[in-house]
Amino acid sequence: MFDDFFARALAGGIGIALATGPLGCFMVWRRMAYFGDSVAHSALLGVVLGIVLGIEPNAGIIIMCIALALLLHLLQQQRRLATDTLLGILAHGALALGLVGISFLEGVRVDLMSYLFGDILAVTGRDLLWIWGGGGAVLVATALIWRPLLATTVHEELARAEGVRVGLVRLVFTLLIALAVAIAMKIIGLILIVALLIIPAATARRLARSPEQMALLASLIGAAAVAGGLHASLAWDTPSGPSIVVAALALFTLGLGGAALASACLGRVVDSARAEP
């Protein structure tokens, strides 16, 4: 029988995995990993905002992540700076501002390590409401924009010619990433959150035969990584957040090996069929 804290951690982690799976697929297809890092780094500044305004830290994180996502969306319209340069400036600038802001908070104790690397074992019932409520909203919104977002990802100009409001779809997707990062910060930390978005999706890419199948597999692989990482953390007394990422990396490695083995076997079958008279 699981202890209460472990059950809450497992429920929270699985909730995040289910929500981030489909989003991670689009991040892989659109090569947006660095964008996720930029949004994640702004979360620490959101903690400062929450404390200064006297509101729930999770609310401050969501506000700041969405604000940075909107800023990135606007700045990407200009052509003076390359997108990767812009993302690098904002990512490290937001992280530095957050760290400096925390140093000015006199009389306030901030557990910096939990924000950087997560503290899934400290998830409370209230956190679960944030995670499952926000995660459910992310899933519903992703489902609503699935087809236009997929069309935009495959061929943006063709999607625009077919009447897809490309700018609006891109903006909604950007905001969904910000919301996912904000609600996942408690679980995996701002340093590792993008790994949970990217690695399960990259693993599913080698195994899936359709975009929908890839999204489902990414969510399931993420949930398996959460369960495996938590069990490993308890068994070997390792940090929970990094253990989840290591579990996801192990599944990715197994997926690569399985795909390579299947390809080799298929090649031998084809060669044998060709060799037959």
C-alpha atoms as a PDB file:
ATOM      1  CA  MET A   1       0.000   0.000   0.000  1.00  0.00           C
ATOM      2  CA  PHE A   2       1.446   3.367  -1.043  1.00  0.00           C
ATOM      3  CA  ASP A   3       2.031   6.087   1.525  1.00  0.00           C
ATOM      4  CA  ASP A   4      -0.098   9.194   1.041  1.00  0.00           C
ATOM      5  CA  PHE A   5       2.823  11.371  -0.048  1.00  0.00           C
ATOM      6  CA  PHE A   6       3.873   8.822  -2.676  1.00  0.00           C
ATOM      7  CA  ALA A   7       0.326   8.488  -4.005  1.00  0.00           C
ATOM      8  CA  ARG A   8       0.026  12.260  -4.314  1.00  0.00           C
ATOM      9  CA  ALA A   9       3.406  12.465  -6.040  1.00  0.00           C
ATOM     10  CA  LEU A  10       2.416   9.732  -8.481  1.00  0.00           C
ATOM     11  CA  ALA A  11      -0.952  11.349  -9.202  1.00  0.00           C
ATOM     12  CA  GLY A  12       0.675  14.737  -9.761  1.00  0.00           C
ATOM     13  CA  GLY A  13       3.406  13.370 -12.002  1.00  0.00           C
ATOM     14  CA  ILE A  14       0.986  11.366 -14.133  1.00  0.00           C
ATOM     15  CA  GLY A  15      -1.267  14.413 -14.460  1.00  0.00           C
ATOM     16  CA  ILE A  16       1.644  16.438 -15.801  1.00  0.00           C
ATOM     17  CA  ALA A  17       2.752  13.642 -18.146  1.00  0.00           C
ATOM     18  CA  LEU A  18      -0.702  13.312 -19.689  1.00  0.00           C
ATOM     19  CA  ALA A  19      -0.896  17.054 -20.353  1.00  0.00           C
ATOM     20  CA  THR A  20       2.648  17.532 -21.664  1.00  0.00           C
ATOM     21  CA  GLY A  21       2.694  14.522 -24.017  1.00  0.00           C
ATOM     22  CA  PRO A  22       0.756  16.101 -26.922  1.00  0.00           C
ATOM     23  CA  LEU A  23       2.416  19.495 -26.425  1.00  0.00           C
ATOM     24  CA  GLY A  24       5.834  17.854 -26.432  1.00  0.00           C
ATOM     25  CA  CYS A  25       5.076  16.280 -29.805  1.00  0.00           C
ATOM     26  CA  PHE A  26       4.526  19.679 -31.374  1.00  0.00           C
ATOM     27  CA  MET A  27       7.637  21.030 -29.664  1.00  0.00           C
ATOM     28  CA  VAL A  28       9.642  18.210 -31.241  1.00  0.00           C
ATOM     29  CA  TRP A  29       8.071  18.700 -34.675  1.00  0.00           C
ATOM     30  CA  ARG A  30       8.517  22.475 -34.564  1.00  0.00           C
ATOM     31  CA  ARG A  31      11.982  22.364 -32.923  1.00  0.00           C
ATOM     32  CA  MET A  32      10.917  24.530 -29.989  1.00  0.00           C
ATOM     33  CA  ALA A  33      12.925  23.013 -27.124  1.00  0.00           C
ATOM     34  CA  TYR A  34      14.809  26.261 -26.528  1.00  0.00           C
ATOM     35  CA  PHE A  35      11.520  28.147 -26.420  1.00  0.00           C
ATOM     36  CA  GLY A  36      10.382  25.878 -23.589  1.00  0.00           C
ATOM     37  CA  ASP A  37      13.614  26.618 -21.719  1.00  0.00           C
ATOM     38  CA  SER A  38      13.019  30.350 -22.054  1.00  0.00           C
ATOM     39  CA  VAL A  39       9.512  30.102 -20.622  1.00  0.00           C
ATOM     40  CA  ALA A  40      10.659  27.780 -17.826  1.00  0.00           C
ATOM     41  CA  HIS A  41      13.405  30.165 -16.736  1.00  0.00           C
ATOM     42  CA  SER A  42      10.853  32.933 -16.288  1.00  0.00           C
ATOM     43  CA  ALA A  43       9.025  30.838 -13.678  1.00  0.00           C
ATOM     44  CA  LEU A  44      11.448  31.867 -10.944  1.00  0.00           C
ATOM     45  CA  LEU A  45      10.614  35.501 -11.634  1.00  0.00           C
ATOM     46  CA  GLY A  46       6.980  34.467 -11.207  1.00  0.00           C
ATOM     47  CA  VAL A  47       7.758  33.219  -7.700  1.00  0.00           C
ATOM     48  CA  VAL A  48       9.121  36.670  -6.834  1.00  0.00           C
ATOM     49  CA  LEU A  49       6.027  38.288  -8.359  1.00  0.00           C
ATOM     50  CA  GLY A  50       3.737  36.086  -6.287  1.00  0.00           C
ATOM     51  CA  ILE A  51       5.542  36.912  -3.046  1.00  0.00           C
ATOM     52  CA  VAL A  52       5.667  40.653  -3.760  1.00  0.00           C
ATOM     53  CA  LEU A  53       1.968  40.813  -4.666  1.00  0.00           C
ATOM     54  CA  GLY A  54       0.971  38.537  -1.814  1.00  0.00           C
ATOM     55  CA  ILE A  55      -0.730  36.009  -4.069  1.00  0.00           C
ATOM     56  CA  GLU A  56      -0.394  32.243  -4.516  1.00  0.00           C
ATOM     57  CA  PRO A  57       3.119  31.479  -5.915  1.00  0.00           C
ATOM     58  CA  ASN A  58       1.558  29.177  -8.526  1.00  0.00           C
ATOM     59  CA  ALA A  59      -0.562  32.092  -9.741  1.00  0.00           C
ATOM     60  CA  GLY A  60       2.534  34.302  -9.957  1.00  0.00           C
ATOM     61  CA  ILE A  61       4.351  31.625 -11.947  1.00  0.00           C
ATOM     62  CA  ILE A  62       1.456  31.268 -14.393  1.00  0.00           C
ATOM     63  CA  ILE A  63       1.186  35.052 -14.838  1.00  0.00           C
ATOM     64  CA  MET A  64       4.909  35.445 -15.508  1.00  0.00           C
ATOM     65  CA  CYS A  65       5.158  32.446 -17.846  1.00  0.00           C
ATOM     66  CA  ILE A  66       2.217  33.683 -19.898  1.00  0.00           C
ATOM     67  CA  ALA A  67       3.638  37.230 -19.934  1.00  0.00           C
ATOM     68  CA  LEU A  68       7.003  36.003 -21.234  1.00  0.00           C
ATOM     69  CA  ALA A  69       5.286  33.779 -23.808  1.00  0.00           C
ATOM     70  CA  LEU A  70       3.337  36.808 -25.088  1.00  0.00           C
ATOM     71  CA  LEU A  71       6.514  38.896 -25.162  1.00  0.00           C
ATOM     72  CA  LEU A  72       8.322  36.192 -27.129  1.00  0.00           C
ATOM     73  CA  HIS A  73       5.434  35.956 -29.559  1.00  0.00           C
ATOM     74  CA  LEU A  74       5.566  39.706 -30.189  1.00  0.00           C
ATOM     75  CA  LEU A  75       9.355  39.914 -30.445  1.00  0.00           C
ATOM     76  CA  GLN A  76       9.481  37.048 -32.931  1.00  0.00           C
ATOM     77  CA  GLN A  77       7.688  39.310 -35.427  1.00  0.00           C
ATOM     78  CA  GLN A  78      10.794  41.496 -35.742  1.00  0.00           C
ATOM     79  CA  ARG A  79      13.693  40.521 -38.024  1.00  0.00           C
ATOM     80  CA  ARG A  80      16.672  42.255 -36.397  1.00  0.00           C
ATOM     81  CA  LEU A  81      17.584  39.389 -34.083  1.00  0.00           C
ATOM     82  CA  ALA A  82      17.535  35.681 -34.870  1.00  0.00           C
ATOM     83  CA  THR A  83      14.980  33.708 -32.865  1.00  0.00           C
ATOM     84  CA  ASP A  84      17.584  31.581 -31.066  1.00  0.00           C
ATOM     85  CA  THR A  85      19.493  34.719 -30.037  1.00  0.00           C
ATOM     86  CA  LEU A  86      16.314  36.311 -28.751  1.00  0.00           C
ATOM     87  CA  LEU A  87      15.387  33.181 -26.801  1.00  0.00           C
ATOM     88  CA  GLY A  88      18.849  33.001 -25.258  1.00  0.00           C
ATOM     89  CA  ILE A  89      18.688  36.607 -24.084  1.00  0.00           C
ATOM     90  CA  LEU A  90      15.245  36.246 -22.536  1.00  0.00           C
ATOM     91  CA  ALA A  91      15.886  32.820 -20.996  1.00  0.00           C
ATOM     92  CA  HIS A  92      19.028  33.771 -19.102  1.00  0.00           C
ATOM     93  CA  GLY A  93      17.846  37.307 -18.441  1.00  0.00           C
ATOM     94  CA  ALA A  94      14.623  36.067 -16.806  1.00  0.00           C
ATOM     95  CA  LEU A  95      16.500  33.503 -14.710  1.00  0.00           C
ATOM     96  CA  ALA A  96      19.034  36.085 -13.549  1.00  0.00           C
ATOM     97  CA  LEU A  97      16.291  38.596 -12.701  1.00  0.00           C
ATOM     98  CA  GLY A  98      14.499  35.925 -10.683  1.00  0.00           C
ATOM     99  CA  LEU A  99      17.612  35.052  -8.687  1.00  0.00           C
ATOM    100  CA  VAL A 100      18.404  38.716  -8.049  1.00  0.00           C
ATOM    101  CA  GLY A 101      14.786  39.384  -7.084  1.00  0.00           C
ATOM    102  CA  ILE A 102      14.835  36.559  -4.531  1.00  0.00           C
ATOM    103  CA  SER A 103      17.950  38.061  -2.926  1.00  0.00           C
ATOM    104  CA  PHE A 104      15.977  41.258  -2.211  1.00  0.00           C
ATOM    105  CA  LEU A 105      13.153  39.443  -0.421  1.00  0.00           C
ATOM    106  CA  GLU A 106      14.134  40.088   3.177  1.00  0.00           C
ATOM    107  CA  GLY A 107      12.533  37.907   5.810  1.00  0.00           C
ATOM    108  CA  VAL A 108      11.154  35.496   3.210  1.00  0.00           C
ATOM    109  CA  ARG A 109      12.529  31.983   2.968  1.00  0.00           C
ATOM    110  CA  VAL A 110      12.491  30.597  -0.564  1.00  0.00           C
ATOM    111  CA  ASP A 111      13.410  26.950  -1.182  1.00  0.00           C
ATOM    112  CA  LEU A 112      15.394  27.654  -4.336  1.00  0.00           C
ATOM    113  CA  MET A 113      16.383  24.014  -4.944  1.00  0.00           C
ATOM    114  CA  SER A 114      12.758  22.882  -5.042  1.00  0.00           C
ATOM    115  CA  TYR A 115      11.981  25.458  -7.722  1.00  0.00           C
ATOM    116  CA  LEU A 116      15.079  24.602  -9.743  1.00  0.00           C
ATOM    117  CA  PHE A 117      14.813  20.802  -9.556  1.00  0.00           C
ATOM    118  CA  GLY A 118      11.282  20.183  -8.328  1.00  0.00           C
ATOM    119  CA  ASP A 119       9.957  18.580  -5.161  1.00  0.00           C
ATOM    120  CA  ILE A 120       7.370  16.078  -6.305  1.00  0.00           C
ATOM    121  CA  LEU A 121       7.325  14.250  -2.970  1.00  0.00           C
ATOM    122  CA  ALA A 122       6.023  17.431  -1.313  1.00  0.00           C
ATOM    123  CA  VAL A 123       2.969  17.689  -3.573  1.00  0.00           C
ATOM    124  CA  THR A 124      -0.173  18.506  -1.590  1.00  0.00           C
ATOM    125  CA  GLY A 125      -3.853  18.000  -2.300  1.00  0.00           C
ATOM    126  CA  ARG A 126      -4.062  21.674  -3.259  1.00  0.00           C
ATOM    127  CA  ASP A 127      -1.192  21.206  -5.717  1.00  0.00           C
ATOM    128  CA  LEU A 128      -3.085  18.306  -7.278  1.00  0.00           C
ATOM    129  CA  LEU A 129      -6.003  20.630  -7.943  1.00  0.00           C
ATOM    130  CA  TRP A 130      -3.647  23.003  -9.765  1.00  0.00           C
ATOM    131  CA  ILE A 131      -2.026  20.176 -11.699  1.00  0.00           C
ATOM    132  CA  TRP A 132      -5.140  18.292 -12.773  1.00  0.00           C
ATOM    133  CA  GLY A 133      -7.229  21.430 -13.310  1.00  0.00           C
ATOM    134  CA  GLY A 134      -4.535  23.166 -15.334  1.00  0.00           C
ATOM    135  CA  GLY A 135      -3.489  19.962 -17.082  1.00  0.00           C
ATOM    136  CA  GLY A 136      -7.080  19.213 -18.046  1.00  0.00           C
ATOM    137  CA  ALA A 137      -7.440  22.723 -19.477  1.00  0.00           C
ATOM    138  CA  VAL A 138      -4.227  22.253 -21.479  1.00  0.00           C
ATOM    139  CA  LEU A 139      -5.437  18.914 -22.870  1.00  0.00           C
ATOM    140  CA  VAL A 140      -8.854  20.297 -23.867  1.00  0.00           C
ATOM    141  CA  ALA A 141      -7.322  23.368 -25.526  1.00  0.00           C
ATOM    142  CA  THR A 142      -4.755  21.214 -27.350  1.00  0.00           C
ATOM    143  CA  ALA A 143      -7.527  18.985 -28.674  1.00  0.00           C
ATOM    144  CA  LEU A 144      -9.475  22.027 -29.896  1.00  0.00           C
ATOM    145  CA  ILE A 145      -6.546  23.424 -31.902  1.00  0.00           C
ATOM    146  CA  TRP A 146      -5.097  20.022 -32.888  1.00  0.00           C
ATOM    147  CA  ARG A 147      -6.004  20.062 -36.580  1.00  0.00           C
ATOM    148  CA  PRO A 148      -5.109  23.694 -37.375  1.00  0.00           C
ATOM    149  CA  LEU A 149      -1.912  23.412 -35.337  1.00  0.00           C
ATOM    150  CA  LEU A 150      -0.967  20.210 -37.150  1.00  0.00           C
ATOM    151  CA  ALA A 151      -1.689  21.832 -40.515  1.00  0.00           C
ATOM    152  CA  THR A 152       0.448  24.839 -39.548  1.00  0.00           C
ATOM    153  CA  THR A 153       3.265  22.569 -38.404  1.00  0.00           C
ATOM    154  CA  VAL A 154       3.285  20.556 -41.637  1.00  0.00           C
ATOM    155  CA  HIS A 155       3.116  23.524 -44.036  1.00  0.00           C
ATOM    156  CA  GLU A 156       2.434  27.005 -42.703  1.00  0.00           C
ATOM    157  CA  GLU A 157       1.826  28.722 -46.051  1.00  0.00           C
ATOM    158  CA  LEU A 158      -0.550  26.007 -47.242  1.00  0.00           C
ATOM    159  CA  ALA A 159      -2.429  26.166 -43.938  1.00  0.00           C
ATOM    160  CA  ARG A 160      -2.771  29.935 -44.308  1.00  0.00           C
ATOM    161  CA  ALA A 161      -4.072  29.498 -47.861  1.00  0.00           C
ATOM    162  CA  GLU A 162      -6.688  27.065 -46.526  1.00  0.00           C
ATOM    163  CA  GLY A 163      -7.976  29.697 -44.105  1.00  0.00           C
ATOM    164  CA  VAL A 164      -6.166  28.690 -40.922  1.00  0.00           C
ATOM    165  CA  ARG A 165      -5.495  31.688 -38.673  1.00  0.00           C
ATOM    166  CA  VAL A 166      -1.822  30.828 -38.303  1.00  0.00           C
ATOM    167  CA  GLY A 167      -0.923  33.692 -35.978  1.00  0.00           C
ATOM    168  CA  LEU A 168      -3.750  32.942 -33.560  1.00  0.00           C
ATOM    169  CA  VAL A 169      -3.006  29.209 -33.538  1.00  0.00           C
ATOM    170  CA  ARG A 170       0.674  29.897 -32.860  1.00  0.00           C
ATOM    171  CA  LEU A 171      -0.219  32.280 -30.034  1.00  0.00           C
ATOM    172  CA  VAL A 172      -2.567  29.769 -28.368  1.00  0.00           C
ATOM    173  CA  PHE A 173       0.067  27.054 -28.632  1.00  0.00           C
ATOM    174  CA  THR A 174       2.639  29.379 -27.077  1.00  0.00           C
ATOM    175  CA  LEU A 175       0.317  30.120 -24.162  1.00  0.00           C
ATOM    176  CA  LEU A 176      -0.380  26.408 -23.643  1.00  0.00           C
ATOM    177  CA  ILE A 177       3.345  25.720 -23.331  1.00  0.00           C
ATOM    178  CA  ALA A 178       3.596  28.514 -20.770  1.00  0.00           C
ATOM    179  CA  LEU A 179       0.690  27.088 -18.763  1.00  0.00           C
ATOM    180  CA  ALA A 180       2.120  23.560 -18.892  1.00  0.00           C
ATOM    181  CA  VAL A 181       5.514  24.781 -17.699  1.00  0.00           C
ATOM    182  CA  ALA A 182       3.911  26.733 -14.871  1.00  0.00           C
ATOM    183  CA  ILE A 183       1.873  23.824 -13.515  1.00  0.00           C
ATOM    184  CA  ALA A 184       4.747  21.351 -13.948  1.00  0.00           C
ATOM    185  CA  MET A 185       7.348  23.395 -12.090  1.00  0.00           C
ATOM    186  CA  LYS A 186       6.379  21.902  -8.715  1.00  0.00           C
ATOM    187  CA  ILE A 187       6.930  18.403 -10.089  1.00  0.00           C
ATOM    188  CA  ILE A 188      10.146  18.544 -12.052  1.00  0.00           C
ATOM    189  CA  GLY A 189      11.636  22.024 -11.540  1.00  0.00           C
ATOM    190  CA  LEU A 190      12.410  24.751 -14.033  1.00  0.00           C
ATOM    191  CA  ILE A 191      15.782  23.234 -14.972  1.00  0.00           C
ATOM    192  CA  LEU A 192      14.327  19.864 -16.008  1.00  0.00           C
ATOM    193  CA  ILE A 193      10.765  20.601 -17.153  1.00  0.00           C
ATOM    194  CA  VAL A 194      11.677  20.820 -20.846  1.00  0.00           C
ATOM    195  CA  ALA A 195      13.234  17.346 -20.609  1.00  0.00           C
ATOM    196  CA  LEU A 196       9.841  15.948 -19.551  1.00  0.00           C
ATOM    197  CA  LEU A 197       8.253  17.736 -22.508  1.00  0.00           C
ATOM    198  CA  ILE A 198      10.804  16.633 -25.104  1.00  0.00           C
ATOM    199  CA  ILE A 199      12.143  13.176 -24.184  1.00  0.00           C
ATOM    200  CA  PRO A 200       8.832  11.219 -24.082  1.00  0.00           C
ATOM    201  CA  ALA A 201       7.763  12.842 -27.359  1.00  0.00           C
ATOM    202  CA  ALA A 202      11.118  12.024 -28.970  1.00  0.00           C
ATOM    203  CA  THR A 203      10.774   8.421 -27.778  1.00  0.00           C
ATOM    204  CA  ALA A 204       7.236   8.135 -29.132  1.00  0.00           C
ATOM    205  CA  ARG A 205       8.329   9.524 -32.497  1.00  0.00           C
ATOM    206  CA  ARG A 206      10.306   6.363 -33.242  1.00  0.00           C
ATOM    207  CA  LEU A 207       7.392   4.095 -32.363  1.00  0.00           C
ATOM    208  CA  ALA A 208       4.258   5.869 -33.635  1.00  0.00           C
ATOM    209  CA  ARG A 209       2.713   5.699 -37.092  1.00  0.00           C
ATOM    210  CA  SER A 210       0.485   8.767 -36.863  1.00  0.00           C
ATOM    211  CA  PRO A 211       0.512  12.118 -35.056  1.00  0.00           C
ATOM    212  CA  GLU A 212      -2.365  11.060 -32.797  1.00  0.00           C
ATOM    213  CA  GLN A 213      -0.626   7.811 -31.905  1.00  0.00           C
ATOM    214  CA  MET A 214       2.563   9.722 -31.136  1.00  0.00           C
ATOM    215  CA  ALA A 215       0.688  12.070 -28.776  1.00  0.00           C
ATOM    216  CA  LEU A 216      -0.894   9.146 -26.908  1.00  0.00           C
ATOM    217  CA  LEU A 217       2.404   7.269 -26.673  1.00  0.00           C
ATOM    218  CA  ALA A 218       4.219  10.395 -25.450  1.00  0.00           C
ATOM    219  CA  SER A 219       1.736  10.757 -22.586  1.00  0.00           C
ATOM    220  CA  LEU A 220       2.017   7.078 -21.650  1.00  0.00           C
ATOM    221  CA  ILE A 221       5.810   7.119 -21.837  1.00  0.00           C
ATOM    222  CA  GLY A 222       5.890  10.235 -19.676  1.00  0.00           C
ATOM    223  CA  ALA A 223       3.625   8.555 -17.112  1.00  0.00           C
ATOM    224  CA  ALA A 224       5.858   5.466 -17.125  1.00  0.00           C
ATOM    225  CA  ALA A 225       8.914   7.676 -16.594  1.00  0.00           C
ATOM    226  CA  VAL A 226       7.216   9.354 -13.622  1.00  0.00           C
ATOM    227  CA  ALA A 227       6.335   6.001 -12.027  1.00  0.00           C
ATOM    228  CA  GLY A 228       9.771   4.520 -12.690  1.00  0.00           C
ATOM    229  CA  GLY A 229      11.621   7.618 -11.526  1.00  0.00           C
ATOM    230  CA  LEU A 230       9.635   7.832  -8.295  1.00  0.00           C
ATOM    231  CA  HIS A 231      10.214   4.173  -7.455  1.00  0.00           C
ATOM    232  CA  ALA A 232      13.935   4.570  -8.190  1.00  0.00           C
ATOM    233  CA  SER A 233      14.055   7.701  -6.039  1.00  0.00           C
ATOM    234  CA  LEU A 234      12.550   5.873  -3.082  1.00  0.00           C
ATOM    235  CA  ALA A 235      14.636   2.747  -3.579  1.00  0.00           C
ATOM    236  CA  TRP A 236      18.006   4.473  -3.949  1.00  0.00           C
ATOM    237  CA  ASP A 237      17.366   7.781  -2.159  1.00  0.00           C
ATOM    238  CA  THR A 238      18.033   9.863  -5.268  1.00  0.00           C
ATOM    239  CA  PRO A 239      16.508  13.277  -6.142  1.00  0.00           C
ATOM    240  CA  SER A 240      13.004  12.673  -7.449  1.00  0.00           C
ATOM    241  CA  GLY A 241      12.939  15.211 -10.314  1.00  0.00           C
ATOM    242  CA  PRO A 242      16.244  14.141 -11.888  1.00  0.00           C
ATOM    243  CA  SER A 243      15.292  10.478 -11.338  1.00  0.00           C
ATOM    244  CA  ILE A 244      12.165  10.977 -13.450  1.00  0.00           C
ATOM    245  CA  VAL A 245      14.234  12.512 -16.245  1.00  0.00           C
ATOM    246  CA  VAL A 246      16.761   9.659 -16.040  1.00  0.00           C
ATOM    247  CA  ALA A 247      13.872   7.169 -16.309  1.00  0.00           C
ATOM    248  CA  ALA A 248      12.605   9.026 -19.384  1.00  0.00           C
ATOM    249  CA  LEU A 249      16.121   8.926 -20.843  1.00  0.00           C
ATOM    250  CA  ALA A 250      16.289   5.166 -20.195  1.00  0.00           C
ATOM    251  CA  LEU A 251      12.991   4.665 -22.037  1.00  0.00           C
ATOM    252  CA  PHE A 252      14.309   6.794 -24.905  1.00  0.00           C
ATOM    253  CA  THR A 253      17.430   4.630 -25.117  1.00  0.00           C
ATOM    254  CA  LEU A 254      15.338   1.454 -25.071  1.00  0.00           C
ATOM    255  CA  GLY A 255      13.119   2.909 -27.778  1.00  0.00           C
ATOM    256  CA  LEU A 256      16.127   3.682 -29.965  1.00  0.00           C
ATOM    257  CA  GLY A 257      17.480   0.176 -29.465  1.00  0.00           C
ATOM    258  CA  GLY A 258      14.111  -1.421 -30.169  1.00  0.00           C
ATOM    259  CA  ALA A 259      13.594   0.637 -33.316  1.00  0.00           C
ATOM    260  CA  ALA A 260      17.096  -0.197 -34.567  1.00  0.00           C
ATOM    261  CA  LEU A 261      16.559  -3.916 -33.872  1.00  0.00           C
ATOM    262  CA  ALA A 262      13.180  -3.910 -35.621  1.00  0.00           C
ATOM    263  CA  SER A 263      14.691  -2.110 -38.626  1.00  0.00           C
ATOM    264  CA  ALA A 264      17.545  -4.623 -38.807  1.00  0.00           C
ATOM    265  CA  CYS A 265      15.157  -7.590 -38.603  1.00  0.00           C
ATOM    266  CA  LEU A 266      12.918  -6.097 -41.273  1.00  0.00           C
ATOM    267  CA  GLY A 267      15.929  -5.534 -43.503  1.00  0.00           C
ATOM    268  CA  ARG A 268      16.965  -9.165 -43.164  1.00  0.00           C
ATOM    269  CA  VAL A 269      13.466 -10.351 -44.003  1.00  0.00           C
ATOM    270  CA  VAL A 270      13.384  -8.157 -47.097  1.00  0.00           C
ATOM    271  CA  ASP A 271      16.850  -9.344 -48.180  1.00  0.00           C
ATOM    272  CA  SER A 272      15.825 -12.975 -47.718  1.00  0.00           C
ATOM    273  CA  ALA A 273      12.671 -12.439 -49.751  1.00  0.00           C
ATOM    274  CA  ARG A 274      14.660 -10.871 -52.570  1.00  0.00           C
ATOM    275  CA  ALA A 275      17.182 -13.728 -52.513  1.00  0.00           C
ATOM    276  CA  GLU A 276      14.519 -16.379 -53.002  1.00  0.00           C
ATOM    277  CA  PRO A 277      14.131 -17.587 -56.614  1.00  0.00           C
END
